[in-house]
Amino acid sequence: MEKIFERLKDFLKRSIGSSVCVRSRDESLLKRVDGVVAGITKEYLIFTEPSIDEVRQAEEFLYTASADSVKIVVLHRFERSSMEAINAFLKTLEEPPSHSLIILSSLKFRDLPQTVRSRVKVFDLFVPKDFYEELRKKVSVEPELVLRLCELDFDVAEHVDRSNATLQPVRFEPSSFLSLFKGETLKPEEKVQALLALNDLYSRFEKGEIDDRSFVELYMALVEQARKVDLARMLVQLAMLCEIVLEHRGVNDLSVYRWFDSILKNRLLNFNTQLTFANLLVKIRRTARR
């Protein structure tokens, strides 16, 4: 896998004096750009969804003399910055200083304004298909489901590839499930465990093993246990995992995916977390019983 990032490093070195956009479907892959940049120069700044003040800070940094060979600014998810910030940076983006490099990273390149897209060279960061074909042979439990997660999250793919550990089936149980979400982010192995647990819950809903009374009891147990975690942050993580499970199960209801996307895109910043949690469980159960 080192070849992928060596190829990116060579591209960035050849692009000094210009602006580039590294695009990928996988946010965890895009985060590796930071490490590649650190291997090129000691003088760099990194911003995520930069504000206009951060854009101005980036410009000031780029236009000062460099003590190293090159100065680099990385702007992650620039498509989610304000139009004020984007427009303020266009001139610098088009003509960066000769000793500098501007790197945008994007999950949705088409969401960038045309005025930005026309000013950057593009590098597609992706993992070769044969890597996933080999990885499938290592997954002993729900391989197609786990591979869906691996294809969206390179950190998980790398964990599965390196661990060579035989996965075990996971039964959804409130306390053990919620214990996975105690940290600020899910570790790769925790993502796999949570995904398999959600798939088990879907299966139990599908088979009618959880009636209305049992569903209420399950929800109350989850709410009680959820007091130990940041429920708002957990809901964002759950939304991504739920989408993977539902796609794997062949659910085609676009309204369900739009609802999960509204959480992932932070449209519900002031939502009632317990109510949203209840709706999430209801949506999983409803789609499973159709």
C-alpha atoms as a PDB file:
ATOM      1  CA  MET A   1       0.000   0.000   0.000  1.00  0.00           C
ATOM      2  CA  GLU A   2       3.011   2.268   0.419  1.00  0.00           C
ATOM      3  CA  LYS A   3       3.107   2.625  -3.388  1.00  0.00           C
ATOM      4  CA  ILE A   4      -0.152   4.597  -3.310  1.00  0.00           C
ATOM      5  CA  PHE A   5       1.293   7.269  -1.080  1.00  0.00           C
ATOM      6  CA  GLU A   6       4.657   7.299  -2.822  1.00  0.00           C
ATOM      7  CA  ARG A   7       2.785   8.037  -6.039  1.00  0.00           C
ATOM      8  CA  LEU A   8       0.960  10.883  -4.291  1.00  0.00           C
ATOM      9  CA  LYS A   9       4.235  12.220  -2.858  1.00  0.00           C
ATOM     10  CA  ASP A  10       5.840  12.276  -6.312  1.00  0.00           C
ATOM     11  CA  PHE A  11       2.808  14.071  -7.754  1.00  0.00           C
ATOM     12  CA  LEU A  12       2.892  16.732  -5.031  1.00  0.00           C
ATOM     13  CA  LYS A  13       6.629  17.339  -5.469  1.00  0.00           C
ATOM     14  CA  ARG A  14       6.126  17.790  -9.217  1.00  0.00           C
ATOM     15  CA  SER A  15       3.266  20.233  -8.553  1.00  0.00           C
ATOM     16  CA  ILE A  16       5.162  22.746  -6.389  1.00  0.00           C
ATOM     17  CA  GLY A  17       4.245  26.261  -7.479  1.00  0.00           C
ATOM     18  CA  SER A  18       0.641  25.281  -8.260  1.00  0.00           C
ATOM     19  CA  SER A  19      -2.634  24.193  -6.641  1.00  0.00           C
ATOM     20  CA  VAL A  20      -3.923  20.618  -6.568  1.00  0.00           C
ATOM     21  CA  CYS A  21      -7.001  18.788  -5.385  1.00  0.00           C
ATOM     22  CA  VAL A  22      -6.678  15.282  -3.973  1.00  0.00           C
ATOM     23  CA  ARG A  23     -10.042  13.586  -4.250  1.00  0.00           C
ATOM     24  CA  SER A  24     -11.296  10.271  -2.896  1.00  0.00           C
ATOM     25  CA  ARG A  25     -14.462   8.540  -1.724  1.00  0.00           C
ATOM     26  CA  ASP A  26     -12.663   7.628   1.491  1.00  0.00           C
ATOM     27  CA  GLU A  27     -12.110  10.317   4.132  1.00  0.00           C
ATOM     28  CA  SER A  28      -9.614   8.148   6.035  1.00  0.00           C
ATOM     29  CA  LEU A  29      -7.484   8.000   2.875  1.00  0.00           C
ATOM     30  CA  LEU A  30      -7.589  11.771   2.525  1.00  0.00           C
ATOM     31  CA  LYS A  31      -6.330  12.158   6.088  1.00  0.00           C
ATOM     32  CA  ARG A  32      -3.146  10.364   5.008  1.00  0.00           C
ATOM     33  CA  VAL A  33      -2.341  13.412   2.878  1.00  0.00           C
ATOM     34  CA  ASP A  34      -1.130  15.133   6.062  1.00  0.00           C
ATOM     35  CA  GLY A  35       1.521  12.474   6.633  1.00  0.00           C
ATOM     36  CA  VAL A  36       2.685  12.690   3.023  1.00  0.00           C
ATOM     37  CA  VAL A  37       3.013  16.470   3.346  1.00  0.00           C
ATOM     38  CA  ALA A  38       5.050  16.087   6.539  1.00  0.00           C
ATOM     39  CA  GLY A  39       7.464  13.948   4.535  1.00  0.00           C
ATOM     40  CA  ILE A  40       7.993  16.747   2.015  1.00  0.00           C
ATOM     41  CA  THR A  41       8.493  19.805   4.228  1.00  0.00           C
ATOM     42  CA  LYS A  42       8.507  20.965   7.833  1.00  0.00           C
ATOM     43  CA  GLU A  43       6.653  24.154   6.925  1.00  0.00           C
ATOM     44  CA  TYR A  44       2.982  23.437   6.455  1.00  0.00           C
ATOM     45  CA  LEU A  45      -0.441  24.429   7.752  1.00  0.00           C
ATOM     46  CA  ILE A  46      -3.549  22.232   7.777  1.00  0.00           C
ATOM     47  CA  PHE A  47      -7.143  23.468   8.002  1.00  0.00           C
ATOM     48  CA  THR A  48     -10.466  21.634   7.756  1.00  0.00           C
ATOM     49  CA  GLU A  49     -13.414  23.491   6.199  1.00  0.00           C
ATOM     50  CA  PRO A  50     -11.415  26.712   6.562  1.00  0.00           C
ATOM     51  CA  SER A  51     -13.114  29.948   7.556  1.00  0.00           C
ATOM     52  CA  ILE A  52     -12.269  33.262   5.898  1.00  0.00           C
ATOM     53  CA  ASP A  53      -9.923  34.086   8.778  1.00  0.00           C
ATOM     54  CA  GLU A  54      -8.103  30.770   8.269  1.00  0.00           C
ATOM     55  CA  VAL A  55      -7.900  31.404   4.520  1.00  0.00           C
ATOM     56  CA  ARG A  56      -6.262  34.759   5.226  1.00  0.00           C
ATOM     57  CA  GLN A  57      -3.891  33.069   7.673  1.00  0.00           C
ATOM     58  CA  ALA A  58      -2.995  30.563   4.945  1.00  0.00           C
ATOM     59  CA  GLU A  59      -2.263  33.363   2.481  1.00  0.00           C
ATOM     60  CA  GLU A  60      -0.054  35.208   4.948  1.00  0.00           C
ATOM     61  CA  PHE A  61       1.842  31.984   5.623  1.00  0.00           C
ATOM     62  CA  LEU A  62       2.364  31.257   1.916  1.00  0.00           C
ATOM     63  CA  TYR A  63       3.656  34.719   1.085  1.00  0.00           C
ATOM     64  CA  THR A  64       6.367  34.786   3.747  1.00  0.00           C
ATOM     65  CA  ALA A  65       9.860  33.511   2.999  1.00  0.00           C
ATOM     66  CA  SER A  66      10.490  29.801   3.467  1.00  0.00           C
ATOM     67  CA  ALA A  67      13.268  28.421   5.671  1.00  0.00           C
ATOM     68  CA  ASP A  68      12.716  25.007   4.064  1.00  0.00           C
ATOM     69  CA  SER A  69      12.461  24.076   0.397  1.00  0.00           C
ATOM     70  CA  VAL A  70       8.695  24.578   0.166  1.00  0.00           C
ATOM     71  CA  LYS A  71       5.676  25.833   2.122  1.00  0.00           C
ATOM     72  CA  ILE A  72       2.455  23.831   1.894  1.00  0.00           C
ATOM     73  CA  VAL A  73      -1.120  24.618   2.905  1.00  0.00           C
ATOM     74  CA  VAL A  74      -3.642  21.771   3.122  1.00  0.00           C
ATOM     75  CA  LEU A  75      -7.345  22.672   3.037  1.00  0.00           C
ATOM     76  CA  HIS A  76      -9.516  19.653   3.830  1.00  0.00           C
ATOM     77  CA  ARG A  77     -13.153  19.660   2.673  1.00  0.00           C
ATOM     78  CA  PHE A  78     -12.799  23.062   1.032  1.00  0.00           C
ATOM     79  CA  GLU A  79     -16.164  22.522  -0.675  1.00  0.00           C
ATOM     80  CA  ARG A  80     -17.804  22.962   2.751  1.00  0.00           C
ATOM     81  CA  SER A  81     -16.221  26.355   3.391  1.00  0.00           C
ATOM     82  CA  SER A  82     -18.297  29.507   2.973  1.00  0.00           C
ATOM     83  CA  MET A  83     -18.453  31.172  -0.433  1.00  0.00           C
ATOM     84  CA  GLU A  84     -16.891  34.224   1.225  1.00  0.00           C
ATOM     85  CA  ALA A  85     -13.833  32.151   2.192  1.00  0.00           C
ATOM     86  CA  ILE A  86     -13.665  30.398  -1.203  1.00  0.00           C
ATOM     87  CA  ASN A  87     -13.900  33.628  -3.189  1.00  0.00           C
ATOM     88  CA  ALA A  88     -11.288  35.319  -0.994  1.00  0.00           C
ATOM     89  CA  PHE A  89      -8.819  32.545  -1.832  1.00  0.00           C
ATOM     90  CA  LEU A  90      -9.342  32.310  -5.600  1.00  0.00           C
ATOM     91  CA  LYS A  91      -6.491  34.620  -6.632  1.00  0.00           C
ATOM     92  CA  THR A  92      -3.977  32.786  -4.440  1.00  0.00           C
ATOM     93  CA  LEU A  93      -5.347  29.456  -5.629  1.00  0.00           C
ATOM     94  CA  GLU A  94      -4.770  30.478  -9.242  1.00  0.00           C
ATOM     95  CA  GLU A  95      -1.286  31.906  -8.727  1.00  0.00           C
ATOM     96  CA  PRO A  96       0.367  30.538  -5.585  1.00  0.00           C
ATOM     97  CA  PRO A  97       3.946  31.625  -4.800  1.00  0.00           C
ATOM     98  CA  SER A  98       6.580  29.631  -6.684  1.00  0.00           C
ATOM     99  CA  HIS A  99       8.007  28.141  -3.476  1.00  0.00           C
ATOM    100  CA  SER A 100       4.626  26.916  -2.263  1.00  0.00           C
ATOM    101  CA  LEU A 101       1.973  24.269  -2.834  1.00  0.00           C
ATOM    102  CA  ILE A 102      -1.754  24.454  -2.106  1.00  0.00           C
ATOM    103  CA  ILE A 103      -3.544  21.142  -1.544  1.00  0.00           C
ATOM    104  CA  LEU A 104      -7.310  20.829  -1.395  1.00  0.00           C
ATOM    105  CA  SER A 105      -8.856  17.514  -0.379  1.00  0.00           C
ATOM    106  CA  SER A 106     -12.388  16.608  -1.353  1.00  0.00           C
ATOM    107  CA  LEU A 107     -14.855  13.779  -0.954  1.00  0.00           C
ATOM    108  CA  LYS A 108     -17.244  15.476  -3.391  1.00  0.00           C
ATOM    109  CA  PHE A 109     -15.229  17.242  -6.069  1.00  0.00           C
ATOM    110  CA  ARG A 110     -18.364  18.333  -7.945  1.00  0.00           C
ATOM    111  CA  ASP A 111     -19.474  20.297  -4.884  1.00  0.00           C
ATOM    112  CA  LEU A 112     -16.509  22.626  -5.369  1.00  0.00           C
ATOM    113  CA  PRO A 113     -17.411  25.718  -7.424  1.00  0.00           C
ATOM    114  CA  GLN A 114     -16.279  25.643 -11.045  1.00  0.00           C
ATOM    115  CA  THR A 115     -14.056  28.634 -10.269  1.00  0.00           C
ATOM    116  CA  VAL A 116     -12.094  26.362  -7.909  1.00  0.00           C
ATOM    117  CA  ARG A 117     -12.156  23.200 -10.052  1.00  0.00           C
ATOM    118  CA  SER A 118     -10.707  25.068 -13.022  1.00  0.00           C
ATOM    119  CA  ARG A 119      -7.744  26.276 -10.963  1.00  0.00           C
ATOM    120  CA  VAL A 120      -6.446  22.962  -9.641  1.00  0.00           C
ATOM    121  CA  LYS A 121      -4.701  19.845 -10.888  1.00  0.00           C
ATOM    122  CA  VAL A 122      -6.524  16.684  -9.785  1.00  0.00           C
ATOM    123  CA  PHE A 123      -5.115  13.567  -8.157  1.00  0.00           C
ATOM    124  CA  ASP A 124      -7.451  10.611  -7.598  1.00  0.00           C
ATOM    125  CA  LEU A 125      -6.494   8.765  -4.429  1.00  0.00           C
ATOM    126  CA  PHE A 126      -7.870   5.232  -4.495  1.00  0.00           C
ATOM    127  CA  VAL A 127      -7.016   1.688  -3.499  1.00  0.00           C
ATOM    128  CA  PRO A 128      -6.614  -0.867  -6.346  1.00  0.00           C
ATOM    129  CA  LYS A 129      -9.457  -3.388  -6.660  1.00  0.00           C
ATOM    130  CA  ASP A 130      -7.118  -6.356  -6.310  1.00  0.00           C
ATOM    131  CA  PHE A 131      -6.328  -5.240  -2.751  1.00  0.00           C
ATOM    132  CA  TYR A 132      -9.985  -5.709  -1.803  1.00  0.00           C
ATOM    133  CA  GLU A 133     -10.180  -9.010  -3.653  1.00  0.00           C
ATOM    134  CA  GLU A 134      -7.334 -10.322  -1.507  1.00  0.00           C
ATOM    135  CA  LEU A 135      -8.891  -8.793   1.593  1.00  0.00           C
ATOM    136  CA  ARG A 136     -12.172 -10.639   0.991  1.00  0.00           C
ATOM    137  CA  LYS A 137     -10.334 -13.937   1.470  1.00  0.00           C
ATOM    138  CA  LYS A 138      -9.356 -12.882   4.996  1.00  0.00           C
ATOM    139  CA  VAL A 139     -12.875 -12.049   6.186  1.00  0.00           C
ATOM    140  CA  SER A 140     -14.661 -15.046   7.647  1.00  0.00           C
ATOM    141  CA  VAL A 141     -17.876 -13.358   8.873  1.00  0.00           C
ATOM    142  CA  GLU A 142     -20.221 -11.372   6.592  1.00  0.00           C
ATOM    143  CA  PRO A 143     -17.436 -10.703   4.047  1.00  0.00           C
ATOM    144  CA  GLU A 144     -19.550  -8.605   1.659  1.00  0.00           C
ATOM    145  CA  LEU A 145     -20.776  -6.394   4.498  1.00  0.00           C
ATOM    146  CA  VAL A 146     -17.316  -5.936   6.018  1.00  0.00           C
ATOM    147  CA  LEU A 147     -15.849  -5.230   2.565  1.00  0.00           C
ATOM    148  CA  ARG A 148     -18.395  -2.444   2.082  1.00  0.00           C
ATOM    149  CA  LEU A 149     -17.021  -0.782   5.206  1.00  0.00           C
ATOM    150  CA  CYS A 150     -13.422  -1.420   4.131  1.00  0.00           C
ATOM    151  CA  GLU A 151     -14.044   0.243   0.765  1.00  0.00           C
ATOM    152  CA  LEU A 152     -15.319   3.367   2.524  1.00  0.00           C
ATOM    153  CA  ASP A 153     -12.729   3.429   5.294  1.00  0.00           C
ATOM    154  CA  PHE A 154      -9.120   2.623   4.528  1.00  0.00           C
ATOM    155  CA  ASP A 155      -8.243   2.563   8.238  1.00  0.00           C
ATOM    156  CA  VAL A 156     -10.600  -0.393   8.636  1.00  0.00           C
ATOM    157  CA  ALA A 157      -9.256  -2.062   5.488  1.00  0.00           C
ATOM    158  CA  GLU A 158      -5.702  -1.708   6.751  1.00  0.00           C
ATOM    159  CA  HIS A 159      -6.697  -3.120  10.152  1.00  0.00           C
ATOM    160  CA  VAL A 160      -8.386  -6.160   8.599  1.00  0.00           C
ATOM    161  CA  ASP A 161      -5.436  -6.667   6.255  1.00  0.00           C
ATOM    162  CA  ARG A 162      -2.790  -6.462   8.977  1.00  0.00           C
ATOM    163  CA  SER A 163      -4.543  -8.189  11.849  1.00  0.00           C
ATOM    164  CA  ASN A 164      -5.298 -11.465  10.050  1.00  0.00           C
ATOM    165  CA  ALA A 165      -7.641 -12.059  12.985  1.00  0.00           C
ATOM    166  CA  THR A 166     -10.617 -14.340  12.426  1.00  0.00           C
ATOM    167  CA  LEU A 167     -13.789 -12.304  12.954  1.00  0.00           C
ATOM    168  CA  GLN A 168     -16.504 -13.745  15.151  1.00  0.00           C
ATOM    169  CA  PRO A 169     -20.257 -13.169  14.790  1.00  0.00           C
ATOM    170  CA  VAL A 170     -21.491 -10.328  17.010  1.00  0.00           C
ATOM    171  CA  ARG A 171     -24.873 -10.337  18.731  1.00  0.00           C
ATOM    172  CA  PHE A 172     -26.452  -6.964  19.389  1.00  0.00           C
ATOM    173  CA  GLU A 173     -26.515  -6.349  23.143  1.00  0.00           C
ATOM    174  CA  PRO A 174     -27.117  -2.799  24.502  1.00  0.00           C
ATOM    175  CA  SER A 175     -24.299  -2.454  27.030  1.00  0.00           C
ATOM    176  CA  SER A 176     -21.550  -4.038  24.915  1.00  0.00           C
ATOM    177  CA  PHE A 177     -22.714  -2.169  21.806  1.00  0.00           C
ATOM    178  CA  LEU A 178     -22.725   1.249  23.459  1.00  0.00           C
ATOM    179  CA  SER A 179     -19.397   0.599  25.157  1.00  0.00           C
ATOM    180  CA  LEU A 180     -17.846   0.792  21.679  1.00  0.00           C
ATOM    181  CA  PHE A 181     -18.746   4.491  21.511  1.00  0.00           C
ATOM    182  CA  LYS A 182     -17.091   5.729  24.701  1.00  0.00           C
ATOM    183  CA  GLY A 183     -14.150   7.286  22.873  1.00  0.00           C
ATOM    184  CA  GLU A 184     -14.267  10.386  20.681  1.00  0.00           C
ATOM    185  CA  THR A 185     -13.949   8.248  17.563  1.00  0.00           C
ATOM    186  CA  LEU A 186     -14.416   4.588  16.786  1.00  0.00           C
ATOM    187  CA  LYS A 187     -11.242   2.591  16.338  1.00  0.00           C
ATOM    188  CA  PRO A 188     -11.166   0.400  13.198  1.00  0.00           C
ATOM    189  CA  GLU A 189     -11.833  -2.796  15.168  1.00  0.00           C
ATOM    190  CA  GLU A 190     -14.722  -1.077  16.982  1.00  0.00           C
ATOM    191  CA  LYS A 191     -16.261  -0.015  13.673  1.00  0.00           C
ATOM    192  CA  VAL A 192     -16.264  -3.616  12.518  1.00  0.00           C
ATOM    193  CA  GLN A 193     -17.809  -4.805  15.787  1.00  0.00           C
ATOM    194  CA  ALA A 194     -20.498  -2.099  15.672  1.00  0.00           C
ATOM    195  CA  LEU A 195     -21.282  -2.886  12.028  1.00  0.00           C
ATOM    196  CA  LEU A 196     -21.720  -6.600  12.720  1.00  0.00           C
ATOM    197  CA  ALA A 197     -23.882  -5.832  15.775  1.00  0.00           C
ATOM    198  CA  LEU A 198     -26.166  -3.557  13.747  1.00  0.00           C
ATOM    199  CA  ASN A 199     -26.443  -6.224  11.082  1.00  0.00           C
ATOM    200  CA  ASP A 200     -27.476  -8.720  13.762  1.00  0.00           C
ATOM    201  CA  LEU A 201     -30.115  -6.282  15.054  1.00  0.00           C
ATOM    202  CA  TYR A 202     -31.462  -5.853  11.514  1.00  0.00           C
ATOM    203  CA  SER A 203     -31.623  -9.637  11.124  1.00  0.00           C
ATOM    204  CA  ARG A 204     -33.548 -10.031  14.370  1.00  0.00           C
ATOM    205  CA  PHE A 205     -36.003  -7.335  13.297  1.00  0.00           C
ATOM    206  CA  GLU A 206     -36.361  -9.047   9.908  1.00  0.00           C
ATOM    207  CA  LYS A 207     -37.143 -12.403  11.529  1.00  0.00           C
ATOM    208  CA  GLY A 208     -39.719 -10.837  13.864  1.00  0.00           C
ATOM    209  CA  GLU A 209     -37.766 -11.857  16.957  1.00  0.00           C
ATOM    210  CA  ILE A 210     -38.365  -8.462  18.585  1.00  0.00           C
ATOM    211  CA  ASP A 211     -42.046  -7.612  19.102  1.00  0.00           C
ATOM    212  CA  ASP A 212     -43.403  -4.184  20.085  1.00  0.00           C
ATOM    213  CA  ARG A 213     -42.934  -4.731  23.802  1.00  0.00           C
ATOM    214  CA  SER A 214     -39.408  -6.090  23.357  1.00  0.00           C
ATOM    215  CA  PHE A 215     -38.600  -3.145  21.093  1.00  0.00           C
ATOM    216  CA  VAL A 216     -39.618  -0.635  23.778  1.00  0.00           C
ATOM    217  CA  GLU A 217     -37.586  -2.546  26.361  1.00  0.00           C
ATOM    218  CA  LEU A 218     -34.603  -2.542  24.024  1.00  0.00           C
ATOM    219  CA  TYR A 219     -34.900   1.192  23.437  1.00  0.00           C
ATOM    220  CA  MET A 220     -35.177   1.949  27.173  1.00  0.00           C
ATOM    221  CA  ALA A 221     -32.100  -0.183  27.876  1.00  0.00           C
ATOM    222  CA  LEU A 222     -30.175   1.649  25.178  1.00  0.00           C
ATOM    223  CA  VAL A 223     -31.206   5.082  26.471  1.00  0.00           C
ATOM    224  CA  GLU A 224     -30.127   4.120  29.982  1.00  0.00           C
ATOM    225  CA  GLN A 225     -26.746   2.909  28.761  1.00  0.00           C
ATOM    226  CA  ALA A 226     -26.356   5.900  26.393  1.00  0.00           C
ATOM    227  CA  ARG A 227     -25.968   8.253  29.355  1.00  0.00           C
ATOM    228  CA  LYS A 228     -22.335   7.144  29.445  1.00  0.00           C
ATOM    229  CA  VAL A 229     -21.589   8.331  25.891  1.00  0.00           C
ATOM    230  CA  ASP A 230     -21.889  11.480  23.794  1.00  0.00           C
ATOM    231  CA  LEU A 231     -25.156  10.574  22.116  1.00  0.00           C
ATOM    232  CA  ALA A 232     -24.993  13.320  19.464  1.00  0.00           C
ATOM    233  CA  ARG A 233     -21.546  12.191  18.310  1.00  0.00           C
ATOM    234  CA  MET A 234     -22.614   8.541  18.442  1.00  0.00           C
ATOM    235  CA  LEU A 235     -25.613   9.248  16.213  1.00  0.00           C
ATOM    236  CA  VAL A 236     -23.334  10.594  13.468  1.00  0.00           C
ATOM    237  CA  GLN A 237     -21.200   7.459  13.667  1.00  0.00           C
ATOM    238  CA  LEU A 238     -24.295   5.245  13.716  1.00  0.00           C
ATOM    239  CA  ALA A 239     -25.789   6.976  10.679  1.00  0.00           C
ATOM    240  CA  MET A 240     -22.787   6.015   8.548  1.00  0.00           C
ATOM    241  CA  LEU A 241     -22.837   2.396   9.757  1.00  0.00           C
ATOM    242  CA  CYS A 242     -26.604   2.095   9.327  1.00  0.00           C
ATOM    243  CA  GLU A 243     -26.365   3.236   5.705  1.00  0.00           C
ATOM    244  CA  ILE A 244     -23.832   0.476   5.017  1.00  0.00           C
ATOM    245  CA  VAL A 245     -26.053  -2.189   6.620  1.00  0.00           C
ATOM    246  CA  LEU A 246     -29.167  -1.032   4.754  1.00  0.00           C
ATOM    247  CA  GLU A 247     -27.356  -0.890   1.404  1.00  0.00           C
ATOM    248  CA  HIS A 248     -25.999  -4.387   2.063  1.00  0.00           C
ATOM    249  CA  ARG A 249     -29.535  -5.565   2.824  1.00  0.00           C
ATOM    250  CA  GLY A 250     -30.869  -4.107  -0.419  1.00  0.00           C
ATOM    251  CA  VAL A 251     -33.003  -1.332   1.087  1.00  0.00           C
ATOM    252  CA  ASN A 252     -33.997   1.088  -1.704  1.00  0.00           C
ATOM    253  CA  ASP A 253     -36.078   3.639   0.222  1.00  0.00           C
ATOM    254  CA  LEU A 254     -34.382   6.945  -0.643  1.00  0.00           C
ATOM    255  CA  SER A 255     -36.196   8.805   2.150  1.00  0.00           C
ATOM    256  CA  VAL A 256     -34.407   6.628   4.717  1.00  0.00           C
ATOM    257  CA  TYR A 257     -31.006   7.451   3.233  1.00  0.00           C
ATOM    258  CA  ARG A 258     -31.857  11.150   3.055  1.00  0.00           C
ATOM    259  CA  TRP A 259     -32.694  11.046   6.764  1.00  0.00           C
ATOM    260  CA  PHE A 260     -29.354   9.453   7.622  1.00  0.00           C
ATOM    261  CA  ASP A 261     -27.566  11.907   5.316  1.00  0.00           C
ATOM    262  CA  SER A 262     -29.153  14.828   7.170  1.00  0.00           C
ATOM    263  CA  ILE A 263     -27.312  13.664  10.288  1.00  0.00           C
ATOM    264  CA  LEU A 264     -24.042  13.074   8.435  1.00  0.00           C
ATOM    265  CA  LYS A 265     -24.199  16.540   6.865  1.00  0.00           C
ATOM    266  CA  ASN A 266     -24.823  18.169  10.265  1.00  0.00           C
ATOM    267  CA  ARG A 267     -28.194  19.539   9.290  1.00  0.00           C
ATOM    268  CA  LEU A 268     -29.616  18.543  12.669  1.00  0.00           C
ATOM    269  CA  LEU A 269     -27.195  20.360  14.948  1.00  0.00           C
ATOM    270  CA  ASN A 270     -29.895  21.178  17.498  1.00  0.00           C
ATOM    271  CA  PHE A 271     -31.881  17.949  17.265  1.00  0.00           C
ATOM    272  CA  ASN A 272     -33.299  16.105  20.244  1.00  0.00           C
ATOM    273  CA  THR A 273     -30.773  13.299  20.558  1.00  0.00           C
ATOM    274  CA  GLN A 274     -33.020  10.804  22.363  1.00  0.00           C
ATOM    275  CA  LEU A 275     -35.850  11.329  19.895  1.00  0.00           C
ATOM    276  CA  THR A 276     -33.459  10.987  16.960  1.00  0.00           C
ATOM    277  CA  PHE A 277     -32.029   7.827  18.512  1.00  0.00           C
ATOM    278  CA  ALA A 278     -35.539   6.404  18.811  1.00  0.00           C
ATOM    279  CA  ASN A 279     -36.273   7.335  15.172  1.00  0.00           C
ATOM    280  CA  LEU A 280     -33.063   5.646  14.072  1.00  0.00           C
ATOM    281  CA  LEU A 281     -34.096   2.376  15.687  1.00  0.00           C
ATOM    282  CA  VAL A 282     -37.625   2.706  14.292  1.00  0.00           C
ATOM    283  CA  LYS A 283     -36.275   3.226  10.769  1.00  0.00           C
ATOM    284  CA  ILE A 284     -34.049   0.156  10.996  1.00  0.00           C
ATOM    285  CA  ARG A 285     -36.944  -1.943  12.285  1.00  0.00           C
ATOM    286  CA  ARG A 286     -39.413  -0.608   9.718  1.00  0.00           C
ATOM    287  CA  THR A 287     -37.133  -1.261   6.751  1.00  0.00           C
ATOM    288  CA  ALA A 288     -36.300  -4.760   8.060  1.00  0.00           C
ATOM    289  CA  ARG A 289     -39.978  -5.711   8.374  1.00  0.00           C
ATOM    290  CA  ARG A 290     -41.004  -4.627   4.860  1.00  0.00           C
END
